């Protein structure tokens, strides 16, 4: 078993629970958990062990969720609100 597989097995339930609290939905929580571990795998070499691993994973999950919400928000403001991108950027602080 490699290092990442150990991390995945040890922290999956915790990350999923955190994702469930963020999303309020099992399906979205599964998607968010999958994306969180994918991003963690890509960033593992840059992980600073001064930060607790579970905090690092929860931060990745939270930031991913926020990013995904902004994408939906930008699309809605553009499509349904008919706002120009410059105005959307100001509203979303992008």
Protein backbone atom coordinates (compact mmCIF):
# COMPACT_ATOMS: atom_id res chain seq x y z
CA UNK A 1 0.00 0.00 0.00
CA UNK A 2 1.43 3.41 -0.94
CA UNK A 3 1.37 6.55 1.20
CA UNK A 4 -1.62 8.10 -0.55
CA UNK A 5 -3.74 4.96 -0.25
CA UNK A 6 -3.10 4.96 3.50
CA UNK A 7 -4.15 8.63 3.71
CA UNK A 8 -7.25 7.93 1.62
CA UNK A 9 -8.35 5.01 3.79
CA UNK A 10 -7.64 6.84 7.02
CA UNK A 11 -9.32 10.14 6.14
CA UNK A 12 -12.06 9.28 3.64
CA UNK A 13 -14.90 9.18 6.19
CA UNK A 14 -13.82 12.42 7.82
CA UNK A 15 -13.53 14.25 4.47
CA UNK A 16 -16.87 12.85 3.32
CA UNK A 17 -18.55 14.00 6.56
CA UNK A 18 -17.06 17.47 6.12
CA UNK A 19 -18.19 17.55 2.48
CA UNK A 20 -21.68 16.42 3.54
CA UNK A 21 -21.90 19.33 5.98
CA UNK A 22 -20.79 21.74 3.26
CA UNK A 23 -23.11 20.48 0.53
CA UNK A 24 -26.08 19.08 2.44
CA UNK A 25 -26.30 16.31 -0.15
CA UNK A 26 -24.81 12.80 -0.29
CA UNK A 27 -24.23 12.82 -4.05
CA UNK A 28 -22.52 16.23 -4.03
CA UNK A 29 -20.51 15.19 -0.98
CA UNK A 30 -19.23 12.13 -2.85
CA UNK A 31 -18.23 14.31 -5.81
CA UNK A 32 -16.55 16.85 -3.54
CA UNK A 33 -14.71 14.12 -1.62
CA UNK A 34 -13.45 12.59 -4.87
CA UNK A 35 -12.25 15.97 -6.14
CA UNK A 36 -10.64 16.74 -2.77
CA UNK A 37 -8.54 13.57 -2.81
CA UNK A 38 -7.64 14.09 -6.46
CA UNK A 39 -6.33 17.58 -5.66
CA UNK A 40 -4.57 16.27 -2.54
CA UNK A 41 -2.81 13.59 -4.58
CA UNK A 42 -1.56 16.22 -7.03
CA UNK A 43 -0.39 18.47 -4.17
CA UNK A 44 1.00 15.82 -1.81
CA UNK A 45 4.61 16.63 -2.66
CA UNK A 46 4.01 20.23 -1.56
CA UNK A 47 2.21 19.29 1.68
CA UNK A 48 3.78 21.01 4.67
CA UNK A 49 3.63 18.58 7.59
CA UNK A 50 3.50 21.50 10.03
CA UNK A 51 -0.23 21.60 9.27
CA UNK A 52 -2.40 18.73 10.44
CA UNK A 53 -3.30 16.44 7.54
CA UNK A 54 -7.01 16.43 8.30
CA UNK A 55 -7.05 20.25 8.42
CA UNK A 56 -5.23 20.35 5.08
CA UNK A 57 -7.76 17.99 3.50
CA UNK A 58 -10.71 19.94 4.93
CA UNK A 59 -9.24 23.17 3.56
CA UNK A 60 -8.95 21.61 0.11
CA UNK A 61 -12.57 20.44 0.35
CA UNK A 62 -13.84 23.85 1.50
CA UNK A 63 -11.91 25.76 -1.16
CA UNK A 64 -13.08 23.35 -3.86
CA UNK A 65 -16.69 23.77 -2.73
CA UNK A 66 -16.41 27.56 -2.74
CA UNK A 67 -14.84 27.49 -6.19
CA UNK A 68 -17.59 25.25 -7.54
CA UNK A 69 -20.29 27.48 -6.03
CA UNK A 70 -18.75 30.56 -7.62
CA UNK A 71 -18.80 28.88 -11.03
CA UNK A 72 -22.55 28.19 -10.66
CA UNK A 73 -23.10 31.73 -9.37
CA UNK A 74 -21.19 33.32 -12.26
CA UNK A 75 -23.13 31.29 -14.80
CA UNK A 76 -26.47 32.24 -13.22
CA UNK A 77 -25.61 35.93 -13.05
CA UNK A 78 -24.48 35.91 -16.66
CA UNK A 79 -27.23 33.73 -18.11
CA UNK A 80 -30.27 34.66 -16.06
CA UNK A 81 -29.24 38.00 -14.62
CA UNK A 82 -27.89 39.12 -18.00
CA UNK A 83 -25.02 40.91 -16.25
CA UNK A 84 -21.76 41.67 -18.06
CA UNK A 85 -18.69 39.77 -16.86
CA UNK A 86 -17.08 42.97 -15.53
CA UNK A 87 -20.05 43.50 -13.19
CA UNK A 88 -20.10 39.84 -12.17
CA UNK A 89 -16.39 40.04 -11.28
CA UNK A 90 -17.08 42.99 -8.99
CA UNK A 91 -20.04 41.25 -7.34
CA UNK A 92 -18.15 37.99 -6.80
CA UNK A 93 -14.90 39.73 -5.88
CA UNK A 94 -13.02 37.84 -8.57
